[in-house]
Amino acid sequence: MTEEMTEERRLRAGPTRTLVTPRLRLRAPVPGDAEQVAALLDDYDVVRMLSRVPWPYTLADAQSFIRDRSDETVFAVCLKSGGDILGLCSVRPNADRPMRGELGFWIGRPHWGNGYATEAAHAAIDYGFTALGLDEISAHCRVINEASRKVIWKCGFRFIGSGMIDTVASGRVASEIFSLDRNCWRSLKAWGEAR
C-alpha cells in the first residue's frame, strides 16, 4: 500500500471510533489497557491460535502493540457495563491490495462461550466496510481452532482455501482462509434487518 493510499484511508475513516453493540463497547486501546491485555494473553491456549502474538507475552509486548499500531484499526473489546477488557478485535488493511482488509480477534479465556467474539467481529466488519471503505475482508484461523471458525461462519464469511501461515508463537501452522465481500455483507445486513 502506498503512503498516499494509507493517508487517504486514515483521512476517510478519521480516528478510531467507539462502536457500541448490545453488550459491548469497542474503543481504541489506550496505554492504561496494557496490563489487562497482558494478563489475558498470559495464556498459551489463547496465544497459540494467534499469528502475530509472541509467547510468553509480556507487559512490554502489550505496551508496544498499543503504542505502535500503524494503520491497523484495533479495538479494545469491553463490556458496556463495567468496561472490563475482554480481548481485542482489529481490521488490518492488506498492504498489496488497498481495498481489502483482514479481520482479527481474540477473547480472553475467562470470557469464552458468551458470544462476545461474534458480537465484536460483526461490529468490526461493519466498520471495515463503512468507515474504511473496504471491498473485501478476509479472515484466517488455524485448522484446529473450531471456536474461531464458528465466529467466522456466523459473520457470513465463505471458505476459500487452506494453506500454511507463519505464527510468532507456534511457527508454521495449517490454516483456513475465509472471505466476505461488500455485496455479500450488504445482502446479509439487509436480510438481518428484514427479520
C-alpha atoms as a PDB file:
ATOM      1  CA  MET A   1       0.000   0.000   0.000  1.00  0.00           C
ATOM      2  CA  THR A   2       1.410   3.359  -0.929  1.00  0.00           C
ATOM      3  CA  GLU A   3       1.759   6.111   1.625  1.00  0.00           C
ATOM      4  CA  GLU A   4      -0.853   8.182  -0.236  1.00  0.00           C
ATOM      5  CA  MET A   5      -3.421   5.332  -0.048  1.00  0.00           C
ATOM      6  CA  THR A   6      -2.740   4.801   3.644  1.00  0.00           C
ATOM      7  CA  GLU A   7      -3.156   8.521   4.348  1.00  0.00           C
ATOM      8  CA  GLU A   8      -6.330   8.657   2.226  1.00  0.00           C
ATOM      9  CA  ARG A   9      -7.824   5.753   4.189  1.00  0.00           C
ATOM     10  CA  ARG A  10      -6.913   7.418   7.503  1.00  0.00           C
ATOM     11  CA  LEU A  11      -8.494  10.702   6.437  1.00  0.00           C
ATOM     12  CA  ARG A  12     -11.650   8.936   5.254  1.00  0.00           C
ATOM     13  CA  ALA A  13     -12.019   6.931   8.463  1.00  0.00           C
ATOM     14  CA  GLY A  14     -10.778   9.556  10.899  1.00  0.00           C
ATOM     15  CA  PRO A  15      -9.697   8.466  14.376  1.00  0.00           C
ATOM     16  CA  THR A  16     -10.881   5.064  15.555  1.00  0.00           C
ATOM     17  CA  ARG A  17     -14.461   5.466  16.662  1.00  0.00           C
ATOM     18  CA  THR A  18     -16.104   3.850  19.605  1.00  0.00           C
ATOM     19  CA  LEU A  19     -18.561   1.190  18.443  1.00  0.00           C
ATOM     20  CA  VAL A  20     -21.443   0.120  20.635  1.00  0.00           C
ATOM     21  CA  THR A  21     -23.253  -3.218  20.377  1.00  0.00           C
ATOM     22  CA  PRO A  22     -25.979  -4.616  22.626  1.00  0.00           C
ATOM     23  CA  ARG A  23     -23.473  -5.819  25.255  1.00  0.00           C
ATOM     24  CA  LEU A  24     -20.118  -4.372  24.215  1.00  0.00           C
ATOM     25  CA  ARG A  25     -18.212  -1.171  23.666  1.00  0.00           C
ATOM     26  CA  LEU A  26     -15.348  -1.340  21.162  1.00  0.00           C
ATOM     27  CA  ARG A  27     -12.912   1.534  21.557  1.00  0.00           C
ATOM     28  CA  ALA A  28      -9.326   2.379  20.694  1.00  0.00           C
ATOM     29  CA  PRO A  29      -6.899   0.806  23.172  1.00  0.00           C
ATOM     30  CA  VAL A  30      -5.068   3.232  25.448  1.00  0.00           C
ATOM     31  CA  PRO A  31      -1.760   2.795  27.326  1.00  0.00           C
ATOM     32  CA  GLY A  32      -3.621   2.055  30.563  1.00  0.00           C
ATOM     33  CA  ASP A  33      -5.069  -1.103  28.948  1.00  0.00           C
ATOM     34  CA  ALA A  34      -1.673  -2.802  28.651  1.00  0.00           C
ATOM     35  CA  GLU A  35      -1.883  -4.631  31.997  1.00  0.00           C
ATOM     36  CA  GLN A  36      -5.295  -6.140  31.252  1.00  0.00           C
ATOM     37  CA  VAL A  37      -4.240  -7.152  27.728  1.00  0.00           C
ATOM     38  CA  ALA A  38      -1.018  -8.745  29.008  1.00  0.00           C
ATOM     39  CA  ALA A  39      -2.935 -10.632  31.729  1.00  0.00           C
ATOM     40  CA  LEU A  40      -5.443 -12.040  29.212  1.00  0.00           C
ATOM     41  CA  LEU A  41      -2.616 -13.085  26.865  1.00  0.00           C
ATOM     42  CA  ASP A  42      -0.736 -14.823  29.666  1.00  0.00           C
ATOM     43  CA  ASP A  43      -2.438 -17.988  28.410  1.00  0.00           C
ATOM     44  CA  TYR A  44      -0.761 -20.179  25.809  1.00  0.00           C
ATOM     45  CA  ASP A  45      -4.112 -21.644  24.712  1.00  0.00           C
ATOM     46  CA  VAL A  46      -5.115 -18.172  23.515  1.00  0.00           C
ATOM     47  CA  VAL A  47      -1.726 -17.127  22.104  1.00  0.00           C
ATOM     48  CA  ARG A  48      -1.107 -20.345  20.130  1.00  0.00           C
ATOM     49  CA  MET A  49      -4.161 -19.570  17.980  1.00  0.00           C
ATOM     50  CA  LEU A  50      -2.914 -16.082  17.029  1.00  0.00           C
ATOM     51  CA  SER A  51      -0.487 -15.320  14.243  1.00  0.00           C
ATOM     52  CA  ARG A  52       1.304 -12.166  15.426  1.00  0.00           C
ATOM     53  CA  VAL A  53       1.466 -12.619  19.208  1.00  0.00           C
ATOM     54  CA  PRO A  54       4.689 -13.838  20.856  1.00  0.00           C
ATOM     55  CA  TRP A  55       4.943 -16.341  23.705  1.00  0.00           C
ATOM     56  CA  PRO A  56       5.462 -15.642  26.506  1.00  0.00           C
ATOM     57  CA  TYR A  57       3.521 -12.373  26.211  1.00  0.00           C
ATOM     58  CA  THR A  58       4.767  -9.600  28.465  1.00  0.00           C
ATOM     59  CA  LEU A  59       3.581  -6.213  29.662  1.00  0.00           C
ATOM     60  CA  ALA A  60       6.228  -4.657  27.376  1.00  0.00           C
ATOM     61  CA  ASP A  61       4.692  -6.541  24.408  1.00  0.00           C
ATOM     62  CA  ALA A  62       1.248  -5.122  25.229  1.00  0.00           C
ATOM     63  CA  GLN A  63       2.624  -1.599  25.664  1.00  0.00           C
ATOM     64  CA  SER A  64       4.469  -1.807  22.347  1.00  0.00           C
ATOM     65  CA  PHE A  65       1.414  -3.133  20.490  1.00  0.00           C
ATOM     66  CA  ILE A  66      -0.869  -0.412  21.851  1.00  0.00           C
ATOM     67  CA  ARG A  67       1.674   2.291  21.044  1.00  0.00           C
ATOM     68  CA  ASP A  68       2.723   1.104  17.541  1.00  0.00           C
ATOM     69  CA  ARG A  69      -0.421   0.006  15.677  1.00  0.00           C
ATOM     70  CA  SER A  70       0.487   1.790  12.394  1.00  0.00           C
ATOM     71  CA  ASP A  71      -2.503   1.805  10.021  1.00  0.00           C
ATOM     72  CA  GLU A  72      -4.298  -1.137  11.643  1.00  0.00           C
ATOM     73  CA  THR A  73      -7.636  -0.300  13.265  1.00  0.00           C
ATOM     74  CA  VAL A  74      -7.632  -2.001  16.664  1.00  0.00           C
ATOM     75  CA  PHE A  75     -10.479  -2.070  19.146  1.00  0.00           C
ATOM     76  CA  ALA A  76     -10.367  -2.970  22.823  1.00  0.00           C
ATOM     77  CA  VAL A  77     -13.455  -5.159  23.292  1.00  0.00           C
ATOM     78  CA  CYS A  78     -15.059  -4.079  26.573  1.00  0.00           C
ATOM     79  CA  LEU A  79     -18.235  -4.867  28.437  1.00  0.00           C
ATOM     80  CA  LYS A  80     -20.659  -1.925  28.285  1.00  0.00           C
ATOM     81  CA  SER A  81     -21.325  -2.376  31.973  1.00  0.00           C
ATOM     82  CA  GLY A  82     -18.105  -2.019  33.904  1.00  0.00           C
ATOM     83  CA  GLY A  83     -15.732  -1.509  30.987  1.00  0.00           C
ATOM     84  CA  ASP A  84     -13.547  -4.578  31.605  1.00  0.00           C
ATOM     85  CA  ILE A  85     -11.462  -5.574  28.577  1.00  0.00           C
ATOM     86  CA  LEU A  86     -12.456  -8.977  27.186  1.00  0.00           C
ATOM     87  CA  GLY A  87      -9.994  -9.062  24.274  1.00  0.00           C
ATOM     88  CA  LEU A  88      -9.094  -7.224  21.078  1.00  0.00           C
ATOM     89  CA  CYS A  89     -10.543  -7.047  17.581  1.00  0.00           C
ATOM     90  CA  SER A  90      -8.991  -5.450  14.503  1.00  0.00           C
ATOM     91  CA  VAL A  91      -9.265  -4.734  10.812  1.00  0.00           C
ATOM     92  CA  ARG A  92      -5.888  -4.553   9.120  1.00  0.00           C
ATOM     93  CA  PRO A  93      -5.560  -3.237   5.550  1.00  0.00           C
ATOM     94  CA  ASN A  94      -3.853  -5.513   3.065  1.00  0.00           C
ATOM     95  CA  ALA A  95      -0.588  -3.865   2.027  1.00  0.00           C
ATOM     96  CA  ASP A  96      -0.755  -5.322  -1.514  1.00  0.00           C
ATOM     97  CA  ARG A  97      -4.481  -4.773  -2.098  1.00  0.00           C
ATOM     98  CA  PRO A  98      -5.560  -1.479  -0.522  1.00  0.00           C
ATOM     99  CA  MET A  99      -9.333  -2.039  -0.688  1.00  0.00           C
ATOM    100  CA  ARG A 100      -9.050  -5.351   1.145  1.00  0.00           C
ATOM    101  CA  GLY A 101      -8.502  -5.970   4.805  1.00  0.00           C
ATOM    102  CA  GLU A 102      -8.133  -8.772   7.326  1.00  0.00           C
ATOM    103  CA  LEU A 103     -10.250  -9.326  10.415  1.00  0.00           C
ATOM    104  CA  GLY A 104      -8.500 -10.381  13.603  1.00  0.00           C
ATOM    105  CA  PHE A 105      -9.972 -11.096  17.016  1.00  0.00           C
ATOM    106  CA  TRP A 106      -9.338 -12.841  20.307  1.00  0.00           C
ATOM    107  CA  ILE A 107     -11.185 -13.048  23.598  1.00  0.00           C
ATOM    108  CA  GLY A 108      -9.522 -13.978  26.903  1.00  0.00           C
ATOM    109  CA  ARG A 109     -10.349 -17.388  28.397  1.00  0.00           C
ATOM    110  CA  PRO A 110     -12.462 -16.068  31.327  1.00  0.00           C
ATOM    111  CA  HIS A 111     -14.915 -14.697  28.741  1.00  0.00           C
ATOM    112  CA  TRP A 112     -15.161 -17.640  26.325  1.00  0.00           C
ATOM    113  CA  GLY A 113     -18.521 -19.118  25.416  1.00  0.00           C
ATOM    114  CA  ASN A 114     -20.584 -15.913  25.716  1.00  0.00           C
ATOM    115  CA  GLY A 115     -20.754 -14.862  22.048  1.00  0.00           C
ATOM    116  CA  TYR A 116     -18.552 -11.808  22.619  1.00  0.00           C
ATOM    117  CA  ALA A 117     -16.187 -12.613  19.728  1.00  0.00           C
ATOM    118  CA  THR A 118     -19.060 -12.825  17.240  1.00  0.00           C
ATOM    119  CA  GLU A 119     -20.628  -9.602  18.508  1.00  0.00           C
ATOM    120  CA  ALA A 120     -17.296  -7.750  18.317  1.00  0.00           C
ATOM    121  CA  ALA A 121     -16.439  -9.205  14.897  1.00  0.00           C
ATOM    122  CA  HIS A 122     -19.782  -8.080  13.446  1.00  0.00           C
ATOM    123  CA  ALA A 123     -19.108  -4.518  14.629  1.00  0.00           C
ATOM    124  CA  ALA A 124     -15.534  -4.511  13.280  1.00  0.00           C
ATOM    125  CA  ILE A 125     -16.700  -5.877   9.910  1.00  0.00           C
ATOM    126  CA  ASP A 126     -19.337  -3.144   9.646  1.00  0.00           C
ATOM    127  CA  TYR A 127     -16.630  -0.596  10.451  1.00  0.00           C
ATOM    128  CA  GLY A 128     -14.329  -2.049   7.781  1.00  0.00           C
ATOM    129  CA  PHE A 129     -16.949  -1.811   5.048  1.00  0.00           C
ATOM    130  CA  THR A 130     -18.351   1.586   6.084  1.00  0.00           C
ATOM    131  CA  ALA A 131     -15.675   3.763   7.727  1.00  0.00           C
ATOM    132  CA  LEU A 132     -12.667   2.206   5.974  1.00  0.00           C
ATOM    133  CA  GLY A 133     -14.433   1.695   2.638  1.00  0.00           C
ATOM    134  CA  LEU A 134     -13.083  -1.829   2.133  1.00  0.00           C
ATOM    135  CA  ASP A 135     -14.428  -4.017  -0.689  1.00  0.00           C
ATOM    136  CA  GLU A 136     -13.436  -7.333   0.873  1.00  0.00           C
ATOM    137  CA  ILE A 137     -12.399  -8.625   4.289  1.00  0.00           C
ATOM    138  CA  SER A 138     -10.588 -11.907   4.850  1.00  0.00           C
ATOM    139  CA  ALA A 139     -10.185 -13.960   7.997  1.00  0.00           C
ATOM    140  CA  HIS A 140      -7.730 -16.741   8.802  1.00  0.00           C
ATOM    141  CA  CYS A 141      -7.866 -19.344  11.515  1.00  0.00           C
ATOM    142  CA  ARG A 142      -5.829 -22.382  12.426  1.00  0.00           C
ATOM    143  CA  VAL A 143      -7.457 -25.602  11.302  1.00  0.00           C
ATOM    144  CA  ILE A 144      -7.609 -26.717  14.961  1.00  0.00           C
ATOM    145  CA  ASN A 145      -9.427 -23.537  16.056  1.00  0.00           C
ATOM    146  CA  GLU A 146     -13.080 -24.582  15.978  1.00  0.00           C
ATOM    147  CA  ALA A 147     -14.216 -21.611  18.099  1.00  0.00           C
ATOM    148  CA  SER A 148     -12.823 -19.016  15.659  1.00  0.00           C
ATOM    149  CA  ARG A 149     -14.184 -20.942  12.686  1.00  0.00           C
ATOM    150  CA  LYS A 150     -17.679 -20.741  14.231  1.00  0.00           C
ATOM    151  CA  VAL A 151     -17.343 -16.975  14.686  1.00  0.00           C
ATOM    152  CA  ILE A 152     -16.185 -16.574  11.089  1.00  0.00           C
ATOM    153  CA  TRP A 153     -19.119 -18.635   9.747  1.00  0.00           C
ATOM    154  CA  LYS A 154     -21.616 -16.685  11.898  1.00  0.00           C
ATOM    155  CA  CYS A 155     -20.305 -13.466  10.354  1.00  0.00           C
ATOM    156  CA  GLY A 156     -21.101 -14.704   6.830  1.00  0.00           C
ATOM    157  CA  PHE A 157     -17.628 -15.476   5.513  1.00  0.00           C
ATOM    158  CA  ARG A 158     -17.165 -18.170   2.882  1.00  0.00           C
ATOM    159  CA  PHE A 159     -14.346 -20.699   2.877  1.00  0.00           C
ATOM    160  CA  ILE A 160     -11.871 -20.018   0.064  1.00  0.00           C
ATOM    161  CA  GLY A 161      -8.993 -22.353   0.813  1.00  0.00           C
ATOM    162  CA  SER A 162      -6.408 -23.702   3.165  1.00  0.00           C
ATOM    163  CA  GLY A 163      -2.696 -23.257   3.487  1.00  0.00           C
ATOM    164  CA  MET A 164       0.108 -22.592   5.880  1.00  0.00           C
ATOM    165  CA  ILE A 165       0.801 -19.420   7.838  1.00  0.00           C
ATOM    166  CA  ASP A 166       3.753 -18.366   9.936  1.00  0.00           C
ATOM    167  CA  THR A 167       2.939 -17.553  13.549  1.00  0.00           C
ATOM    168  CA  VAL A 168       5.207 -15.947  16.109  1.00  0.00           C
ATOM    169  CA  ALA A 169       4.362 -18.326  18.978  1.00  0.00           C
ATOM    170  CA  SER A 170       3.775 -21.633  17.164  1.00  0.00           C
ATOM    171  CA  GLY A 171       5.850 -21.478  13.995  1.00  0.00           C
ATOM    172  CA  ARG A 172       4.378 -22.588  10.651  1.00  0.00           C
ATOM    173  CA  VAL A 173       0.840 -23.956  11.060  1.00  0.00           C
ATOM    174  CA  ALA A 174      -2.036 -25.155   8.888  1.00  0.00           C
ATOM    175  CA  SER A 175      -4.762 -22.562   8.428  1.00  0.00           C
ATOM    176  CA  GLU A 176      -8.040 -21.925   6.660  1.00  0.00           C
ATOM    177  CA  ILE A 177      -8.824 -18.756   4.732  1.00  0.00           C
ATOM    178  CA  PHE A 178     -12.262 -17.148   4.541  1.00  0.00           C
ATOM    179  CA  SER A 179     -13.598 -14.123   2.679  1.00  0.00           C
ATOM    180  CA  LEU A 180     -16.536 -11.721   2.881  1.00  0.00           C
ATOM    181  CA  ASP A 181     -17.089  -9.173   0.109  1.00  0.00           C
ATOM    182  CA  ARG A 182     -19.066  -5.956   0.291  1.00  0.00           C
ATOM    183  CA  ASN A 183     -22.023  -7.283  -1.759  1.00  0.00           C
ATOM    184  CA  CYS A 184     -22.473 -10.349   0.420  1.00  0.00           C
ATOM    185  CA  TRP A 185     -22.158  -8.188   3.548  1.00  0.00           C
ATOM    186  CA  ARG A 186     -24.868  -5.821   2.237  1.00  0.00           C
ATOM    187  CA  SER A 187     -27.156  -8.757   1.498  1.00  0.00           C
ATOM    188  CA  LEU A 188     -26.642 -10.230   4.965  1.00  0.00           C
ATOM    189  CA  LYS A 189     -27.293  -6.836   6.588  1.00  0.00           C
ATOM    190  CA  ALA A 190     -30.496  -6.363   4.573  1.00  0.00           C
ATOM    191  CA  TRP A 191     -31.663  -9.876   5.389  1.00  0.00           C
ATOM    192  CA  GLY A 192     -30.962  -9.355   9.089  1.00  0.00           C
ATOM    193  CA  GLU A 193     -32.923  -6.086   9.116  1.00  0.00           C
ATOM    194  CA  ALA A 194     -35.868  -7.768   7.364  1.00  0.00           C
ATOM    195  CA  ARG A 195     -36.195 -10.477  10.004  1.00  0.00           C
END
